[in-house]
Amino acid sequence: MPDGPAPRWTRYVACGDSFTEGLWDAPDGEDGPLRGWADQLASHLSARRTAADLPALEYANLAVRGRLMRPILTEQVPVARGLSPDLVSLVGGGNDVLRPSVDVDRVAADLERAVARLRADGTDVLLSTGFDARESPLVRTTRSRTGVFSAHVWSIARRHGAYVLDLWGMRSLLDWRMWSEDRIHLTTDGHARVAQAALVALGLPPDRPDWDDPLAPLPPVPRVERARADARWLRDHAYPWATRRLRRQSSGDSRVAKRPEPLPVE
């Protein structure tokens, strides 16, 4: 465990969408409970506290897959404030920027109002940029919207004294081995690296010095094989997502938070 003072936070509440819920990070198998970067961050913070003979961190995760920014802010943030945390991660916007018609400035303005309220409560806030999708021929159409949103995040953080998880700058996440087969969510290793990046964002040393090292290069993939993989992705993931959107359905319909109460992290 790295040297340094124990984390000062005693109660952490995570708000967000599928990224914070932990989709595709199921260490016990696909039918097991989801973990994800926020759960891992909570574990790291708690372990450092207990190693210093301090009480374990209390942690709640209110994130629900499929949520747009506005429902995150109107449904989850008020609940989070009621739990009296001293640290909140407020990470969203990824589902918004997938939509070509999104008003990124409005999304950012809504986010800033929520951050201002949390900071007025005396709560530390961890925000996040979006991912840089430049390596994805199919998803990089969202890159300009994500870049504008990420610029807003940095400005909001500066104005309100928040922390920023810099996903855009993570070199390791440019490698598709960090991404699940749906090309939208991270693998277990991807979530683990983001948890390390979150420690760094909070001003703490990482547990893994190689947390953002690029992976060793792979041999080039033949064009035909890439085309087949793209076709499978369109059939198995992109088409179902578009169908849900046309039907005004969400992958998170009828779902609730996986950890609604702040419990000690053992």
Protein backbone atom coordinates (compact mmCIF):
# COMPACT_ATOMS: atom_id res chain seq x y z
CA MET A 1 0.00 0.00 0.00
CA PRO A 2 1.43 3.43 -0.92
CA ASP A 3 2.84 5.68 1.78
CA GLY A 4 1.05 8.85 2.77
CA PRO A 5 -1.79 10.06 4.97
CA ALA A 6 -5.02 8.08 5.12
CA PRO A 7 -7.92 9.40 3.02
CA ARG A 8 -9.93 11.91 5.03
CA TRP A 9 -13.31 10.96 3.59
CA THR A 10 -15.61 8.90 5.79
CA ARG A 11 -18.70 8.52 3.58
CA TYR A 12 -18.65 8.25 -0.22
CA VAL A 13 -21.71 8.20 -2.47
CA ALA A 14 -21.43 7.42 -6.19
CA CYS A 15 -23.98 8.82 -8.66
CA GLY A 16 -24.16 8.06 -12.36
CA ASP A 17 -25.09 5.63 -15.11
CA SER A 18 -23.89 2.18 -16.23
CA PHE A 19 -20.25 3.27 -16.07
CA THR A 20 -20.51 3.88 -12.32
CA GLU A 21 -22.89 0.96 -11.79
CA GLY A 22 -20.05 -1.19 -13.13
CA LEU A 23 -21.44 -2.89 -16.23
CA TRP A 24 -19.23 -5.64 -17.65
CA ASP A 25 -17.17 -5.89 -14.45
CA ALA A 26 -18.55 -9.06 -12.87
CA PRO A 27 -15.61 -10.88 -11.24
CA ASP A 28 -17.79 -13.84 -10.20
CA GLY A 29 -19.19 -14.40 -13.68
CA GLU A 30 -21.83 -12.70 -15.80
CA ASP A 31 -24.60 -13.76 -13.41
CA GLY A 32 -22.73 -12.42 -10.37
CA PRO A 33 -22.89 -8.94 -8.83
CA LEU A 34 -21.39 -6.01 -10.69
CA ARG A 35 -18.40 -4.20 -9.25
CA GLY A 36 -16.91 -1.37 -11.35
CA TRP A 37 -14.49 1.48 -10.84
CA ALA A 38 -16.47 3.24 -8.10
CA ASP A 39 -16.72 0.09 -5.97
CA GLN A 40 -13.00 -0.44 -6.42
CA LEU A 41 -12.24 3.18 -5.52
CA ALA A 42 -14.29 2.75 -2.34
CA SER A 43 -12.33 -0.42 -1.51
CA HIS A 44 -9.00 1.34 -2.01
CA LEU A 45 -10.03 4.31 0.15
CA SER A 46 -11.39 2.06 2.89
CA ALA A 47 -8.31 -0.19 2.92
CA ARG A 48 -6.07 2.82 3.39
CA ARG A 49 -8.23 4.10 6.23
CA THR A 50 -8.32 0.79 8.09
CA ALA A 51 -4.56 0.37 7.60
CA ALA A 52 -4.20 3.64 9.50
CA ASP A 53 -6.50 2.35 12.29
CA LEU A 54 -9.38 4.55 11.15
CA PRO A 55 -12.97 3.38 10.68
CA ALA A 56 -13.80 1.78 7.35
CA LEU A 57 -15.21 4.03 4.65
CA GLU A 58 -18.99 4.02 4.32
CA TYR A 59 -20.11 3.72 0.71
CA ALA A 60 -23.34 3.88 -1.30
CA ASN A 61 -23.75 3.51 -5.07
CA LEU A 62 -26.90 5.06 -6.53
CA ALA A 63 -25.96 4.69 -10.21
CA VAL A 64 -28.41 3.08 -12.63
CA ARG A 65 -27.62 2.09 -16.21
CA GLY A 66 -29.13 4.05 -19.06
CA ARG A 67 -29.62 7.24 -17.09
CA LEU A 68 -29.20 10.58 -18.84
CA MET A 69 -27.66 13.49 -16.97
CA ARG A 70 -30.91 15.14 -15.96
CA PRO A 71 -32.37 12.04 -14.22
CA ILE A 72 -29.04 11.52 -12.47
CA LEU A 73 -29.24 15.06 -11.14
CA THR A 74 -32.93 15.01 -10.23
CA GLU A 75 -33.24 11.46 -8.90
CA GLN A 76 -29.85 10.51 -7.48
CA VAL A 77 -28.23 13.73 -6.30
CA PRO A 78 -31.03 14.69 -3.85
CA VAL A 79 -30.82 11.20 -2.34
CA ALA A 80 -27.04 11.48 -2.14
CA ARG A 81 -27.27 14.83 -0.35
CA GLY A 82 -29.67 13.30 2.15
CA LEU A 83 -27.06 10.67 3.04
CA SER A 84 -24.66 13.39 4.30
CA PRO A 85 -21.55 12.26 2.40
CA ASP A 86 -18.24 14.07 2.46
CA LEU A 87 -17.36 12.75 -1.03
CA VAL A 88 -19.67 12.34 -4.04
CA SER A 89 -18.65 11.15 -7.49
CA LEU A 90 -21.00 12.66 -10.05
CA VAL A 91 -20.27 11.06 -13.40
CA GLY A 92 -22.70 11.19 -16.30
CA GLY A 93 -23.28 12.62 -19.74
CA GLY A 94 -22.11 9.61 -21.71
CA ASN A 95 -25.64 8.61 -22.68
CA ASP A 96 -26.45 12.21 -23.55
CA VAL A 97 -23.58 12.71 -26.01
CA LEU A 98 -24.55 9.53 -27.88
CA ARG A 99 -27.57 11.49 -29.12
CA PRO A 100 -26.78 13.79 -32.07
CA SER A 101 -29.45 16.29 -30.97
CA VAL A 102 -28.05 16.78 -27.47
CA ASP A 103 -27.55 20.32 -26.18
CA VAL A 104 -24.17 19.84 -24.50
CA ASP A 105 -24.19 23.36 -23.04
CA ARG A 106 -27.50 22.66 -21.32
CA VAL A 107 -26.23 19.35 -19.94
CA ALA A 108 -23.19 21.15 -18.54
CA ALA A 109 -25.30 23.94 -17.03
CA ASP A 110 -27.48 21.38 -15.26
CA LEU A 111 -24.37 19.64 -13.96
CA GLU A 112 -22.89 22.88 -12.66
CA ARG A 113 -25.98 23.70 -10.63
CA ALA A 114 -25.80 20.31 -8.94
CA VAL A 115 -22.09 20.70 -8.23
CA ALA A 116 -22.70 24.12 -6.72
CA ARG A 117 -25.31 22.67 -4.34
CA LEU A 118 -23.06 19.82 -3.27
CA ARG A 119 -20.13 22.15 -2.68
CA ALA A 120 -22.38 24.49 -0.68
CA ASP A 121 -23.12 21.48 1.55
CA GLY A 122 -19.39 21.14 2.16
CA THR A 123 -19.18 17.95 0.09
CA ASP A 124 -16.14 17.17 -2.04
CA VAL A 125 -17.12 16.30 -5.62
CA LEU A 126 -15.37 14.07 -8.14
CA LEU A 127 -16.37 14.79 -11.74
CA SER A 128 -15.20 13.06 -14.89
CA THR A 129 -14.43 13.93 -18.47
CA GLY A 130 -15.71 11.72 -21.26
CA PHE A 131 -13.67 9.08 -23.06
CA ASP A 132 -11.69 9.90 -26.19
CA ALA A 133 -13.27 7.71 -28.89
CA ARG A 134 -10.84 8.59 -31.67
CA GLU A 135 -9.82 4.94 -32.14
CA SER A 136 -13.39 3.84 -32.85
CA PRO A 137 -14.50 4.25 -36.47
CA LEU A 138 -18.14 3.93 -35.40
CA VAL A 139 -18.27 5.75 -32.04
CA ARG A 140 -15.91 8.62 -32.82
CA THR A 141 -18.78 10.56 -34.37
CA THR A 142 -19.50 11.57 -30.76
CA ARG A 143 -15.95 12.84 -30.21
CA SER A 144 -16.61 16.53 -30.78
CA ARG A 145 -19.61 16.53 -28.43
CA THR A 146 -17.63 14.63 -25.81
CA GLY A 147 -14.74 17.07 -26.15
CA VAL A 148 -16.99 20.08 -25.57
CA PHE A 149 -18.60 18.41 -22.57
CA SER A 150 -15.18 17.54 -21.13
CA ALA A 151 -14.05 21.16 -21.49
CA HIS A 152 -17.13 22.19 -19.53
CA VAL A 153 -16.26 19.67 -16.81
CA TRP A 154 -12.79 21.15 -16.31
CA SER A 155 -14.26 24.67 -16.11
CA ILE A 156 -16.96 23.62 -13.65
CA ALA A 157 -14.35 21.94 -11.47
CA ARG A 158 -12.16 25.05 -11.48
CA ARG A 159 -15.03 27.34 -10.53
CA HIS A 160 -16.28 25.15 -7.69
CA GLY A 161 -13.16 23.42 -6.39
CA ALA A 162 -14.08 19.92 -7.58
CA TYR A 163 -11.83 17.03 -8.55
CA VAL A 164 -11.69 15.68 -12.13
CA LEU A 165 -11.18 12.10 -13.28
CA ASP A 166 -9.40 12.58 -16.61
CA LEU A 167 -10.71 9.71 -18.71
CA TRP A 168 -10.02 11.64 -21.92
CA GLY A 169 -6.30 11.65 -21.18
CA MET A 170 -5.93 7.96 -20.27
CA ARG A 171 -3.65 6.38 -22.86
CA SER A 172 -4.47 2.84 -21.78
CA LEU A 173 -8.14 3.32 -22.66
CA LEU A 174 -7.26 3.93 -26.30
CA ASP A 175 -6.63 0.18 -26.51
CA TRP A 176 -9.73 -1.82 -27.40
CA ARG A 177 -8.65 -4.60 -25.05
CA MET A 178 -9.83 -2.30 -22.26
CA TRP A 179 -13.35 -2.34 -23.68
CA SER A 180 -16.09 -4.95 -23.56
CA GLU A 181 -17.67 -6.45 -26.65
CA ASP A 182 -20.34 -3.73 -26.74
CA ARG A 183 -17.57 -1.11 -27.26
CA ILE A 184 -19.31 1.23 -24.82
CA HIS A 185 -18.40 -0.24 -21.42
CA LEU A 186 -15.05 -1.15 -19.91
CA THR A 187 -13.68 -4.59 -19.12
CA THR A 188 -12.65 -5.59 -15.61
CA ASP A 189 -9.11 -4.36 -16.28
CA GLY A 190 -10.46 -1.11 -17.68
CA HIS A 191 -12.50 -0.48 -14.54
CA ALA A 192 -9.46 -1.29 -12.38
CA ARG A 193 -7.35 1.26 -14.23
CA VAL A 194 -10.05 3.91 -13.89
CA ALA A 195 -10.17 3.29 -10.14
CA GLN A 196 -6.44 4.02 -10.04
CA ALA A 197 -7.00 7.17 -12.09
CA ALA A 198 -9.65 8.24 -9.59
CA LEU A 199 -7.16 7.91 -6.74
CA VAL A 200 -4.77 10.15 -8.67
CA ALA A 201 -7.58 12.62 -9.37
CA LEU A 202 -8.25 12.85 -5.63
CA GLY A 203 -4.60 13.68 -5.00
CA LEU A 204 -3.68 10.22 -3.70
CA PRO A 205 -0.91 7.91 -4.92
CA PRO A 206 -2.06 4.96 -7.04
CA ASP A 207 -1.65 1.35 -5.96
CA ARG A 208 -0.42 0.43 -9.44
CA PRO A 209 2.39 2.54 -10.93
CA ASP A 210 1.53 1.09 -14.36
CA TRP A 211 -2.11 2.12 -14.17
CA ASP A 212 -1.97 4.12 -17.41
CA ASP A 213 0.81 2.33 -19.27
CA PRO A 214 -0.20 1.37 -22.82
CA LEU A 215 -0.54 -2.34 -23.49
CA ALA A 216 1.93 -4.17 -25.69
CA PRO A 217 0.87 -3.83 -29.34
CA LEU A 218 -1.01 -6.61 -31.07
CA PRO A 219 -0.46 -7.77 -34.65
CA PRO A 220 -2.63 -5.92 -37.19
CA VAL A 221 -6.13 -7.32 -37.59
CA PRO A 222 -7.04 -8.21 -41.20
CA ARG A 223 -9.60 -5.91 -42.79
CA VAL A 224 -12.08 -8.72 -43.37
CA GLU A 225 -11.94 -9.75 -39.72
CA ARG A 226 -12.49 -6.15 -38.62
CA ALA A 227 -15.48 -5.87 -40.92
CA ARG A 228 -17.00 -9.05 -39.49
CA ALA A 229 -16.48 -7.79 -35.94
CA ASP A 230 -18.12 -4.48 -36.83
CA ALA A 231 -21.09 -6.31 -38.34
CA ARG A 232 -21.52 -8.40 -35.18
CA TRP A 233 -21.36 -5.27 -33.06
CA LEU A 234 -24.01 -3.55 -35.15
CA ARG A 235 -26.28 -6.60 -34.93
CA ASP A 236 -25.78 -7.47 -31.25
CA HIS A 237 -25.33 -4.06 -29.64
CA ALA A 238 -25.89 -0.99 -31.83
CA TYR A 239 -29.20 -2.16 -33.32
CA PRO A 240 -30.76 -3.14 -29.95
CA TRP A 241 -29.67 0.21 -28.48
CA ALA A 242 -31.21 2.14 -31.39
CA THR A 243 -34.40 0.09 -31.13
CA ARG A 244 -34.75 0.89 -27.41
CA ARG A 245 -34.24 4.56 -28.15
CA LEU A 246 -36.92 4.61 -30.85
CA ARG A 247 -39.29 2.93 -28.40
CA ARG A 248 -38.25 5.43 -25.69
CA GLN A 249 -37.03 2.56 -23.57
CA SER A 250 -33.90 2.42 -21.42
CA SER A 251 -31.70 -0.45 -20.32
CA GLY A 252 -32.28 0.84 -16.79
CA ASP A 253 -36.08 0.79 -16.85
CA SER A 254 -37.40 -0.82 -13.63
CA ARG A 255 -33.87 -1.01 -12.17
CA VAL A 256 -32.89 0.46 -8.82
CA ALA A 257 -29.59 1.35 -7.19
CA LYS A 258 -27.45 -1.66 -6.29
CA ARG A 259 -26.18 -0.20 -2.98
CA PRO A 260 -28.65 2.47 -1.83
CA GLU A 261 -27.46 2.74 1.75
CA PRO A 262 -23.98 3.80 2.92
CA LEU A 263 -22.46 0.68 4.46
CA PRO A 264 -18.90 0.08 5.68
CA VAL A 265 -16.56 -1.30 3.02
CA GLU A 266 -14.77 -4.28 4.48
